[in-house]
N, C-alpha and C. Protein backbone atom coordinates (compact mmCIF):
# COMPACT_ATOMS: atom_id res chain seq x y z
N MET A 1 35.31 4.56 6.60
CA MET A 1 35.20 3.45 5.68
C MET A 1 33.86 3.52 4.94
N LEU A 2 33.90 3.32 3.64
CA LEU A 2 32.69 3.43 2.84
C LEU A 2 31.89 2.14 2.75
N ASP A 3 32.49 0.99 2.94
CA ASP A 3 31.81 -0.27 2.72
C ASP A 3 30.82 -0.55 3.85
N THR A 4 29.53 -0.45 3.53
CA THR A 4 28.46 -0.63 4.52
C THR A 4 27.87 -2.04 4.49
N SER A 5 28.42 -2.96 3.70
CA SER A 5 27.78 -4.27 3.54
C SER A 5 27.70 -5.04 4.86
N ALA A 6 28.74 -5.02 5.69
CA ALA A 6 28.69 -5.75 6.97
C ALA A 6 27.66 -5.12 7.91
N GLU A 7 27.60 -3.80 7.94
CA GLU A 7 26.61 -3.12 8.78
C GLU A 7 25.19 -3.48 8.34
N ASN A 8 24.95 -3.58 7.04
CA ASN A 8 23.61 -3.95 6.57
C ASN A 8 23.23 -5.36 7.00
N ARG A 9 24.18 -6.27 7.01
CA ARG A 9 23.88 -7.64 7.48
C ARG A 9 23.53 -7.62 8.97
N ARG A 10 24.16 -6.76 9.75
CA ARG A 10 23.86 -6.66 11.18
C ARG A 10 22.53 -5.98 11.45
N ARG A 11 22.14 -5.04 10.60
CA ARG A 11 20.94 -4.23 10.82
C ARG A 11 19.64 -5.01 10.74
N HIS A 12 19.58 -5.98 9.85
CA HIS A 12 18.31 -6.68 9.62
C HIS A 12 18.52 -8.19 9.62
N SER A 13 17.91 -8.81 10.59
CA SER A 13 17.90 -10.27 10.65
C SER A 13 16.68 -10.73 9.86
N LEU A 14 16.93 -11.35 8.73
CA LEU A 14 15.83 -11.74 7.84
C LEU A 14 15.62 -13.24 7.87
N ASP A 15 14.37 -13.64 7.87
CA ASP A 15 14.02 -15.06 7.79
C ASP A 15 14.34 -15.52 6.36
N PRO A 16 15.23 -16.52 6.22
CA PRO A 16 15.64 -16.94 4.88
C PRO A 16 14.49 -17.53 4.04
N HIS A 17 13.35 -17.83 4.69
CA HIS A 17 12.22 -18.43 3.98
C HIS A 17 11.10 -17.43 3.69
N GLN A 18 11.31 -16.17 4.09
CA GLN A 18 10.28 -15.15 3.90
C GLN A 18 10.73 -14.11 2.89
N PRO A 19 10.05 -14.01 1.74
CA PRO A 19 10.41 -12.94 0.79
C PRO A 19 10.23 -11.56 1.42
N VAL A 20 10.97 -10.60 0.88
CA VAL A 20 11.01 -9.23 1.38
C VAL A 20 10.79 -8.28 0.21
N TRP A 21 10.07 -7.20 0.45
CA TRP A 21 9.95 -6.15 -0.57
C TRP A 21 11.14 -5.21 -0.46
N LEU A 22 11.71 -4.85 -1.58
CA LEU A 22 12.80 -3.88 -1.67
C LEU A 22 12.35 -2.73 -2.56
N PHE A 23 12.50 -1.50 -2.09
CA PHE A 23 12.13 -0.32 -2.88
C PHE A 23 13.37 0.26 -3.54
N GLY A 24 13.31 0.42 -4.86
CA GLY A 24 14.38 1.04 -5.62
C GLY A 24 13.94 2.37 -6.18
N TYR A 25 14.79 3.38 -6.07
CA TYR A 25 14.44 4.73 -6.52
C TYR A 25 15.50 5.33 -7.45
N GLY A 26 16.61 4.64 -7.65
CA GLY A 26 17.68 5.09 -8.55
C GLY A 26 17.90 4.04 -9.61
N SER A 27 19.14 3.56 -9.71
CA SER A 27 19.44 2.56 -10.74
C SER A 27 18.69 1.25 -10.51
N LEU A 28 18.22 1.01 -9.29
CA LEU A 28 17.44 -0.20 -9.05
C LEU A 28 16.12 -0.19 -9.82
N ILE A 29 15.67 0.97 -10.27
CA ILE A 29 14.46 1.01 -11.09
C ILE A 29 14.71 0.35 -12.43
N TYR A 30 15.82 0.68 -13.07
CA TYR A 30 16.05 0.23 -14.45
C TYR A 30 17.12 -0.86 -14.58
N LYS A 31 17.87 -1.13 -13.53
CA LYS A 31 18.93 -2.14 -13.62
C LYS A 31 18.72 -3.19 -12.53
N ALA A 32 17.83 -4.12 -12.81
CA ALA A 32 17.55 -5.20 -11.87
C ALA A 32 18.46 -6.37 -12.23
N ASP A 33 19.70 -6.32 -11.74
CA ASP A 33 20.69 -7.37 -12.03
C ASP A 33 20.67 -8.44 -10.94
N PHE A 34 19.49 -8.77 -10.49
CA PHE A 34 19.29 -9.74 -9.42
C PHE A 34 17.95 -10.45 -9.66
N PRO A 35 17.81 -11.66 -9.14
CA PRO A 35 16.53 -12.37 -9.32
C PRO A 35 15.45 -11.77 -8.41
N PHE A 36 14.23 -11.72 -8.91
CA PHE A 36 13.12 -11.25 -8.10
C PHE A 36 11.88 -12.09 -8.40
N LEU A 37 10.99 -12.13 -7.43
CA LEU A 37 9.76 -12.92 -7.54
C LEU A 37 8.64 -12.10 -8.17
N GLU A 38 8.68 -10.80 -7.92
CA GLU A 38 7.64 -9.90 -8.40
C GLU A 38 8.23 -8.50 -8.46
N ARG A 39 7.69 -7.68 -9.37
CA ARG A 39 8.14 -6.31 -9.54
C ARG A 39 6.91 -5.43 -9.72
N ARG A 40 6.80 -4.36 -8.91
CA ARG A 40 5.62 -3.49 -8.98
C ARG A 40 6.00 -2.04 -8.74
N PRO A 41 5.45 -1.11 -9.52
CA PRO A 41 5.66 0.32 -9.22
C PRO A 41 5.12 0.63 -7.82
N ALA A 42 5.82 1.51 -7.12
CA ALA A 42 5.42 1.85 -5.75
C ALA A 42 5.90 3.26 -5.42
N THR A 43 5.38 3.78 -4.32
CA THR A 43 5.84 5.07 -3.80
C THR A 43 6.12 4.92 -2.31
N ILE A 44 6.99 5.79 -1.83
CA ILE A 44 7.17 5.94 -0.39
C ILE A 44 6.92 7.41 -0.06
N HIS A 45 6.42 7.64 1.13
CA HIS A 45 6.01 8.99 1.54
C HIS A 45 7.09 9.66 2.38
N ASN A 46 7.15 10.98 2.25
CA ASN A 46 8.02 11.85 3.07
C ASN A 46 9.51 11.72 2.75
N TRP A 47 9.80 11.29 1.53
CA TRP A 47 11.18 11.19 1.06
C TRP A 47 11.29 11.80 -0.34
N ALA A 48 12.39 12.50 -0.60
CA ALA A 48 12.66 13.09 -1.92
C ALA A 48 13.99 12.56 -2.44
N ARG A 49 14.03 12.25 -3.73
CA ARG A 49 15.24 11.75 -4.41
C ARG A 49 16.15 12.94 -4.70
N ARG A 50 17.44 12.82 -4.36
CA ARG A 50 18.40 13.89 -4.61
C ARG A 50 19.74 13.33 -5.07
N PHE A 51 20.38 14.03 -5.99
CA PHE A 51 21.73 13.67 -6.47
C PHE A 51 22.78 14.21 -5.51
N TRP A 52 22.75 13.74 -4.28
CA TRP A 52 23.63 14.27 -3.25
C TRP A 52 24.63 13.24 -2.75
N GLN A 53 24.64 12.03 -3.29
CA GLN A 53 25.56 10.98 -2.83
C GLN A 53 26.69 10.81 -3.84
N GLY A 54 27.90 10.66 -3.33
CA GLY A 54 29.04 10.40 -4.18
C GLY A 54 29.10 8.93 -4.57
N SER A 55 29.60 8.67 -5.76
CA SER A 55 29.80 7.29 -6.23
C SER A 55 31.27 7.11 -6.55
N HIS A 56 31.97 6.45 -5.64
CA HIS A 56 33.40 6.19 -5.81
C HIS A 56 33.66 4.87 -6.52
N ASP A 57 32.63 4.03 -6.59
CA ASP A 57 32.82 2.66 -7.05
C ASP A 57 32.03 2.27 -8.29
N HIS A 58 31.05 3.07 -8.70
CA HIS A 58 30.24 2.72 -9.87
C HIS A 58 30.27 3.81 -10.95
N ARG A 59 29.89 5.03 -10.61
CA ARG A 59 29.77 6.11 -11.60
C ARG A 59 30.83 7.17 -11.44
N GLY A 60 31.88 6.81 -10.72
CA GLY A 60 33.02 7.70 -10.51
C GLY A 60 34.16 6.89 -9.94
N THR A 61 35.17 7.58 -9.47
CA THR A 61 36.35 6.95 -8.89
C THR A 61 36.63 7.59 -7.53
N PRO A 62 37.53 7.00 -6.75
CA PRO A 62 37.86 7.64 -5.47
C PRO A 62 38.39 9.07 -5.65
N ASP A 63 39.13 9.32 -6.72
CA ASP A 63 39.66 10.67 -6.97
C ASP A 63 38.62 11.62 -7.56
N ASN A 64 37.65 11.08 -8.29
CA ASN A 64 36.61 11.89 -8.92
C ASN A 64 35.27 11.16 -8.82
N PRO A 65 34.64 11.21 -7.62
CA PRO A 65 33.37 10.51 -7.46
C PRO A 65 32.28 11.12 -8.33
N GLY A 66 31.44 10.24 -8.87
CA GLY A 66 30.26 10.73 -9.58
C GLY A 66 29.20 11.12 -8.57
N ARG A 67 28.03 11.48 -9.08
CA ARG A 67 26.90 11.81 -8.22
C ARG A 67 25.75 10.88 -8.55
N VAL A 68 25.21 10.24 -7.51
CA VAL A 68 24.07 9.36 -7.66
C VAL A 68 23.01 9.76 -6.65
N VAL A 69 21.84 9.16 -6.76
CA VAL A 69 20.74 9.59 -5.89
C VAL A 69 20.73 8.88 -4.54
N THR A 70 20.23 9.61 -3.58
CA THR A 70 19.87 9.08 -2.28
C THR A 70 18.53 9.70 -1.93
N LEU A 71 18.03 9.40 -0.75
CA LEU A 71 16.76 9.97 -0.31
C LEU A 71 17.00 10.92 0.85
N ILE A 72 16.28 12.02 0.83
CA ILE A 72 16.33 13.05 1.87
C ILE A 72 14.93 13.18 2.45
N GLN A 73 14.84 13.23 3.77
CA GLN A 73 13.52 13.40 4.37
C GLN A 73 12.90 14.71 3.91
N ALA A 74 11.63 14.62 3.47
CA ALA A 74 10.91 15.79 2.97
C ALA A 74 9.43 15.59 3.27
N PRO A 75 8.95 16.16 4.38
CA PRO A 75 7.54 15.98 4.75
C PRO A 75 6.60 16.32 3.60
N GLY A 76 5.66 15.40 3.34
CA GLY A 76 4.67 15.59 2.29
C GLY A 76 5.10 15.12 0.92
N ALA A 77 6.37 14.84 0.74
CA ALA A 77 6.87 14.42 -0.58
C ALA A 77 6.50 12.95 -0.85
N LEU A 78 6.41 12.63 -2.13
CA LEU A 78 6.22 11.26 -2.59
C LEU A 78 7.39 10.92 -3.49
N CYS A 79 7.98 9.76 -3.30
CA CYS A 79 9.05 9.28 -4.17
C CYS A 79 8.55 8.02 -4.87
N THR A 80 8.49 8.08 -6.18
CA THR A 80 8.04 6.94 -6.98
C THR A 80 9.24 6.13 -7.41
N GLY A 81 9.07 4.82 -7.37
CA GLY A 81 10.13 3.92 -7.79
C GLY A 81 9.57 2.56 -8.12
N MET A 82 10.42 1.55 -7.99
CA MET A 82 10.03 0.18 -8.29
C MET A 82 10.28 -0.69 -7.07
N ALA A 83 9.30 -1.50 -6.73
CA ALA A 83 9.45 -2.44 -5.61
C ALA A 83 9.64 -3.84 -6.18
N TYR A 84 10.55 -4.56 -5.55
CA TYR A 84 10.85 -5.93 -5.95
C TYR A 84 10.63 -6.85 -4.76
N ARG A 85 9.91 -7.93 -4.97
CA ARG A 85 9.77 -8.96 -3.94
C ARG A 85 10.90 -9.95 -4.19
N ILE A 86 11.79 -10.06 -3.19
CA ILE A 86 13.00 -10.87 -3.36
C ILE A 86 13.16 -11.83 -2.18
N THR A 87 13.97 -12.85 -2.40
CA THR A 87 14.33 -13.74 -1.30
C THR A 87 15.52 -13.10 -0.57
N PRO A 88 15.62 -13.31 0.74
CA PRO A 88 16.68 -12.65 1.52
C PRO A 88 18.10 -12.92 1.04
N ASP A 89 18.35 -14.05 0.37
CA ASP A 89 19.71 -14.33 -0.10
C ASP A 89 20.17 -13.33 -1.15
N VAL A 90 19.25 -12.63 -1.80
CA VAL A 90 19.60 -11.63 -2.82
C VAL A 90 20.33 -10.44 -2.19
N PHE A 91 20.14 -10.23 -0.88
CA PHE A 91 20.79 -9.10 -0.23
C PHE A 91 22.31 -9.22 -0.21
N GLU A 92 22.84 -10.42 -0.35
CA GLU A 92 24.30 -10.55 -0.43
C GLU A 92 24.82 -9.76 -1.63
N HIS A 93 24.17 -9.92 -2.77
CA HIS A 93 24.55 -9.16 -3.97
C HIS A 93 24.23 -7.67 -3.80
N LEU A 94 23.03 -7.37 -3.30
CA LEU A 94 22.60 -5.97 -3.19
C LEU A 94 23.44 -5.19 -2.17
N ASP A 95 23.79 -5.83 -1.05
CA ASP A 95 24.63 -5.14 -0.07
C ASP A 95 25.98 -4.78 -0.66
N HIS A 96 26.51 -5.63 -1.51
CA HIS A 96 27.78 -5.31 -2.19
C HIS A 96 27.57 -4.18 -3.20
N ARG A 97 26.51 -4.27 -3.97
CA ARG A 97 26.21 -3.24 -4.98
C ARG A 97 26.01 -1.86 -4.33
N GLU A 98 25.37 -1.81 -3.18
CA GLU A 98 25.02 -0.55 -2.53
C GLU A 98 25.98 -0.20 -1.38
N LYS A 99 27.17 -0.77 -1.38
CA LYS A 99 28.08 -0.65 -0.24
C LYS A 99 28.70 0.73 -0.05
N ASN A 100 28.62 1.59 -1.03
CA ASN A 100 29.29 2.89 -0.96
C ASN A 100 28.47 3.91 -0.16
N GLY A 101 28.20 3.57 1.12
CA GLY A 101 27.53 4.51 2.00
C GLY A 101 26.06 4.26 2.24
N TYR A 102 25.45 3.30 1.57
CA TYR A 102 24.02 3.05 1.71
C TYR A 102 23.73 2.05 2.81
N LEU A 103 22.75 2.38 3.64
CA LEU A 103 22.27 1.48 4.68
C LEU A 103 20.82 1.11 4.41
N ARG A 104 20.44 -0.07 4.83
CA ARG A 104 19.05 -0.52 4.67
C ARG A 104 18.19 0.03 5.80
N PHE A 105 17.01 0.53 5.42
CA PHE A 105 16.01 1.01 6.38
C PHE A 105 14.67 0.39 6.04
N ARG A 106 13.84 0.22 7.04
CA ARG A 106 12.47 -0.25 6.80
C ARG A 106 11.62 0.93 6.36
N THR A 107 10.66 0.64 5.48
CA THR A 107 9.77 1.69 5.00
C THR A 107 8.44 1.09 4.56
N PRO A 108 7.34 1.80 4.80
CA PRO A 108 6.07 1.37 4.22
C PRO A 108 6.03 1.73 2.74
N LEU A 109 5.51 0.83 1.93
CA LEU A 109 5.38 1.03 0.48
C LEU A 109 3.90 1.13 0.13
N THR A 110 3.60 1.96 -0.85
CA THR A 110 2.26 2.00 -1.43
C THR A 110 2.39 1.68 -2.90
N PHE A 111 1.72 0.61 -3.34
CA PHE A 111 1.80 0.19 -4.73
C PHE A 111 0.84 1.01 -5.59
N ALA A 112 1.05 0.96 -6.88
CA ALA A 112 0.24 1.75 -7.82
C ALA A 112 -1.25 1.43 -7.70
N ASP A 113 -1.59 0.21 -7.32
CA ASP A 113 -3.00 -0.18 -7.20
C ASP A 113 -3.58 0.14 -5.82
N GLY A 114 -2.80 0.79 -4.94
CA GLY A 114 -3.28 1.17 -3.62
C GLY A 114 -2.92 0.19 -2.51
N ASP A 115 -2.51 -1.02 -2.85
CA ASP A 115 -2.07 -1.98 -1.83
C ASP A 115 -0.86 -1.42 -1.10
N GLN A 116 -0.66 -1.90 0.12
CA GLN A 116 0.48 -1.45 0.91
C GLN A 116 1.22 -2.65 1.49
N ALA A 117 2.50 -2.45 1.76
CA ALA A 117 3.34 -3.47 2.38
C ALA A 117 4.53 -2.78 3.02
N ASP A 118 5.18 -3.48 3.93
CA ASP A 118 6.43 -2.99 4.50
C ASP A 118 7.57 -3.54 3.67
N GLY A 119 8.62 -2.76 3.54
CA GLY A 119 9.77 -3.19 2.77
C GLY A 119 11.05 -2.58 3.29
N LEU A 120 12.11 -2.77 2.54
CA LEU A 120 13.41 -2.20 2.85
C LEU A 120 13.82 -1.26 1.72
N VAL A 121 14.63 -0.28 2.07
CA VAL A 121 15.15 0.67 1.09
C VAL A 121 16.58 1.02 1.50
N TYR A 122 17.45 1.21 0.52
CA TYR A 122 18.82 1.66 0.78
C TYR A 122 18.86 3.18 0.74
N ILE A 123 19.38 3.78 1.80
CA ILE A 123 19.51 5.24 1.87
C ILE A 123 20.93 5.58 2.31
N ALA A 124 21.54 6.53 1.61
CA ALA A 124 22.85 7.05 2.00
C ALA A 124 22.59 8.32 2.80
N THR A 125 22.71 8.23 4.11
CA THR A 125 22.43 9.37 4.97
C THR A 125 23.59 10.36 4.94
N GLU A 126 23.32 11.56 5.39
CA GLU A 126 24.33 12.63 5.28
C GLU A 126 25.56 12.40 6.14
N ASP A 127 25.53 11.45 7.04
CA ASP A 127 26.70 11.19 7.87
C ASP A 127 27.64 10.14 7.28
N ASN A 128 27.37 9.66 6.06
CA ASN A 128 28.28 8.68 5.45
C ASN A 128 29.42 9.40 4.74
N ALA A 129 30.55 8.73 4.63
CA ALA A 129 31.77 9.35 4.12
C ALA A 129 31.67 9.78 2.65
N ALA A 130 30.76 9.21 1.89
CA ALA A 130 30.64 9.54 0.47
C ALA A 130 29.59 10.61 0.18
N PHE A 131 28.93 11.12 1.21
CA PHE A 131 27.87 12.10 1.01
C PHE A 131 28.46 13.41 0.51
N LEU A 132 27.97 13.87 -0.64
CA LEU A 132 28.46 15.13 -1.22
C LEU A 132 27.59 16.31 -0.84
N GLY A 133 26.33 16.07 -0.57
CA GLY A 133 25.42 17.11 -0.11
C GLY A 133 24.79 17.92 -1.22
N GLU A 134 24.03 18.88 -0.76
CA GLU A 134 23.26 19.75 -1.65
C GLU A 134 24.19 20.61 -2.49
N SER A 135 23.75 20.86 -3.71
CA SER A 135 24.48 21.74 -4.61
C SER A 135 23.49 22.30 -5.63
N ASP A 136 23.90 23.35 -6.29
CA ASP A 136 23.11 23.91 -7.37
C ASP A 136 22.91 22.85 -8.47
N GLU A 137 21.71 22.75 -9.00
CA GLU A 137 21.43 21.69 -9.98
C GLU A 137 22.25 21.83 -11.27
N LEU A 138 22.58 23.05 -11.68
CA LEU A 138 23.46 23.24 -12.83
C LEU A 138 24.85 22.68 -12.53
N LEU A 139 25.36 22.94 -11.32
CA LEU A 139 26.67 22.41 -10.94
C LEU A 139 26.65 20.88 -10.84
N ILE A 140 25.53 20.33 -10.36
CA ILE A 140 25.40 18.88 -10.32
C ILE A 140 25.46 18.32 -11.74
N ALA A 141 24.76 18.95 -12.67
CA ALA A 141 24.78 18.49 -14.07
C ALA A 141 26.19 18.54 -14.65
N ARG A 142 26.91 19.60 -14.36
CA ARG A 142 28.30 19.71 -14.84
C ARG A 142 29.19 18.63 -14.24
N HIS A 143 28.99 18.34 -12.97
CA HIS A 143 29.74 17.29 -12.28
C HIS A 143 29.44 15.93 -12.94
N ILE A 144 28.17 15.65 -13.16
CA ILE A 144 27.75 14.39 -13.77
C ILE A 144 28.33 14.26 -15.18
N ALA A 145 28.38 15.35 -15.92
CA ALA A 145 28.85 15.32 -17.32
C ALA A 145 30.29 14.82 -17.44
N VAL A 146 31.11 15.03 -16.41
CA VAL A 146 32.53 14.67 -16.51
C VAL A 146 32.92 13.46 -15.66
N SER A 147 31.94 12.82 -15.03
CA SER A 147 32.25 11.69 -14.15
C SER A 147 32.02 10.36 -14.86
N HIS A 148 32.92 9.44 -14.57
CA HIS A 148 32.87 8.11 -15.19
C HIS A 148 33.51 7.12 -14.22
N GLY A 149 32.95 5.91 -14.17
CA GLY A 149 33.50 4.89 -13.27
C GLY A 149 33.37 3.51 -13.86
N PRO A 150 33.66 2.47 -13.08
CA PRO A 150 33.62 1.09 -13.56
C PRO A 150 32.26 0.66 -14.13
N SER A 151 31.16 1.26 -13.65
CA SER A 151 29.83 0.90 -14.16
C SER A 151 29.40 1.77 -15.33
N GLY A 152 30.25 2.68 -15.76
CA GLY A 152 29.92 3.52 -16.91
C GLY A 152 29.88 4.99 -16.55
N SER A 153 29.38 5.77 -17.48
CA SER A 153 29.36 7.22 -17.29
C SER A 153 28.25 7.63 -16.34
N ASN A 154 28.51 8.65 -15.59
CA ASN A 154 27.52 9.22 -14.69
C ASN A 154 26.37 9.80 -15.51
N ARG A 155 26.70 10.31 -16.70
CA ARG A 155 25.69 10.84 -17.62
C ARG A 155 24.64 9.78 -17.96
N ASP A 156 25.10 8.56 -18.27
CA ASP A 156 24.18 7.47 -18.60
C ASP A 156 23.26 7.16 -17.42
N TYR A 157 23.83 7.17 -16.21
CA TYR A 157 23.03 6.92 -15.00
C TYR A 157 21.87 7.92 -14.93
N LEU A 158 22.18 9.20 -15.07
CA LEU A 158 21.15 10.24 -15.01
C LEU A 158 20.11 10.05 -16.11
N LEU A 159 20.56 9.85 -17.35
CA LEU A 159 19.62 9.74 -18.46
C LEU A 159 18.75 8.50 -18.35
N GLN A 160 19.33 7.38 -17.90
CA GLN A 160 18.54 6.16 -17.73
C GLN A 160 17.53 6.32 -16.60
N LEU A 161 17.92 6.98 -15.53
CA LEU A 161 16.99 7.22 -14.43
C LEU A 161 15.83 8.11 -14.89
N ALA A 162 16.14 9.19 -15.59
CA ALA A 162 15.08 10.08 -16.07
C ALA A 162 14.12 9.33 -16.99
N GLN A 163 14.64 8.51 -17.88
CA GLN A 163 13.79 7.73 -18.78
C GLN A 163 12.93 6.74 -18.00
N ALA A 164 13.51 6.07 -17.02
CA ALA A 164 12.76 5.10 -16.21
C ALA A 164 11.64 5.80 -15.44
N LEU A 165 11.90 7.01 -14.95
CA LEU A 165 10.86 7.75 -14.24
C LEU A 165 9.73 8.14 -15.19
N ARG A 166 10.06 8.53 -16.39
CA ARG A 166 9.01 8.84 -17.37
C ARG A 166 8.16 7.61 -17.67
N GLU A 167 8.82 6.45 -17.79
CA GLU A 167 8.07 5.22 -18.04
C GLU A 167 7.13 4.87 -16.89
N LEU A 168 7.48 5.30 -15.68
CA LEU A 168 6.61 5.11 -14.52
C LEU A 168 5.58 6.24 -14.38
N ASP A 169 5.64 7.20 -15.30
CA ASP A 169 4.77 8.38 -15.25
C ASP A 169 4.98 9.14 -13.94
N ALA A 170 6.25 9.20 -13.52
CA ALA A 170 6.61 9.87 -12.27
C ALA A 170 7.24 11.22 -12.58
N CYS A 171 6.84 12.22 -11.85
CA CYS A 171 7.42 13.55 -12.01
C CYS A 171 8.45 13.76 -10.90
N ASP A 172 9.68 14.05 -11.29
CA ASP A 172 10.72 14.36 -10.32
C ASP A 172 11.46 15.59 -10.83
N GLU A 173 11.07 16.76 -10.35
CA GLU A 173 11.61 18.02 -10.86
C GLU A 173 13.12 18.09 -10.70
N HIS A 174 13.65 17.58 -9.61
CA HIS A 174 15.10 17.62 -9.38
C HIS A 174 15.84 16.84 -10.47
N VAL A 175 15.43 15.62 -10.71
CA VAL A 175 16.07 14.79 -11.74
C VAL A 175 15.90 15.42 -13.12
N PHE A 176 14.71 15.86 -13.43
CA PHE A 176 14.44 16.39 -14.78
C PHE A 176 15.15 17.72 -15.03
N ARG A 177 15.31 18.55 -14.00
CA ARG A 177 16.06 19.81 -14.19
C ARG A 177 17.54 19.52 -14.44
N ILE A 178 18.10 18.58 -13.69
CA ILE A 178 19.51 18.23 -13.90
C ILE A 178 19.68 17.64 -15.29
N GLU A 179 18.75 16.79 -15.71
CA GLU A 179 18.80 16.22 -17.06
C GLU A 179 18.76 17.34 -18.11
N GLN A 180 17.88 18.30 -17.94
CA GLN A 180 17.77 19.42 -18.88
C GLN A 180 19.07 20.20 -18.96
N PHE A 181 19.67 20.53 -17.82
CA PHE A 181 20.95 21.23 -17.81
C PHE A 181 22.02 20.42 -18.53
N LEU A 182 22.06 19.11 -18.29
CA LEU A 182 23.04 18.25 -18.92
C LEU A 182 22.87 18.25 -20.44
N LEU A 183 21.64 18.10 -20.89
CA LEU A 183 21.39 18.04 -22.34
C LEU A 183 21.63 19.38 -23.03
N GLU A 184 21.34 20.48 -22.33
CA GLU A 184 21.59 21.80 -22.91
C GLU A 184 23.07 22.10 -23.05
N SER A 185 23.87 21.54 -22.16
CA SER A 185 25.30 21.81 -22.21
C SER A 185 26.04 20.91 -23.21
N GLY A 186 25.32 19.96 -23.78
CA GLY A 186 25.91 19.09 -24.81
C GLY A 186 26.44 17.89 -24.21
């Protein structure tokens, strides 16, 4: 079963009166379709963003899943994204949005100004049913070029993510190489 929303509710008992930091590294960077109290650029350590997760419900279909990002453990790596300070009730929406294999994990965040805080992050681990795994970046670009789902084209997801990373002045060779392959192929 792909729907992880119930498992996420079981994983973290949150005080309804205490705001929580949420780290976004994919569409959560540029598509904040939820209320937040504060938004700040941040990084997490020892994680790398990869287009290794299938999207059956947003950027693809059950018959032709798109490819979206997840995080893979990578010692020494830095993953730049956006942190949102939210009230716990927002997780009802987010758990539904991220239900296709993503689970919430705790993570330390480092903000652009050097401040630190603990937060939560959604990660689709390799043992989830929608995990597509590693592939050649050219093949990933070709897959993305032909995938489309209820939330739009997989191509738009990639291009919006690459643009959002540039706006954060973040270098992500994996994302930018896939973007280059996609744009070169038309």
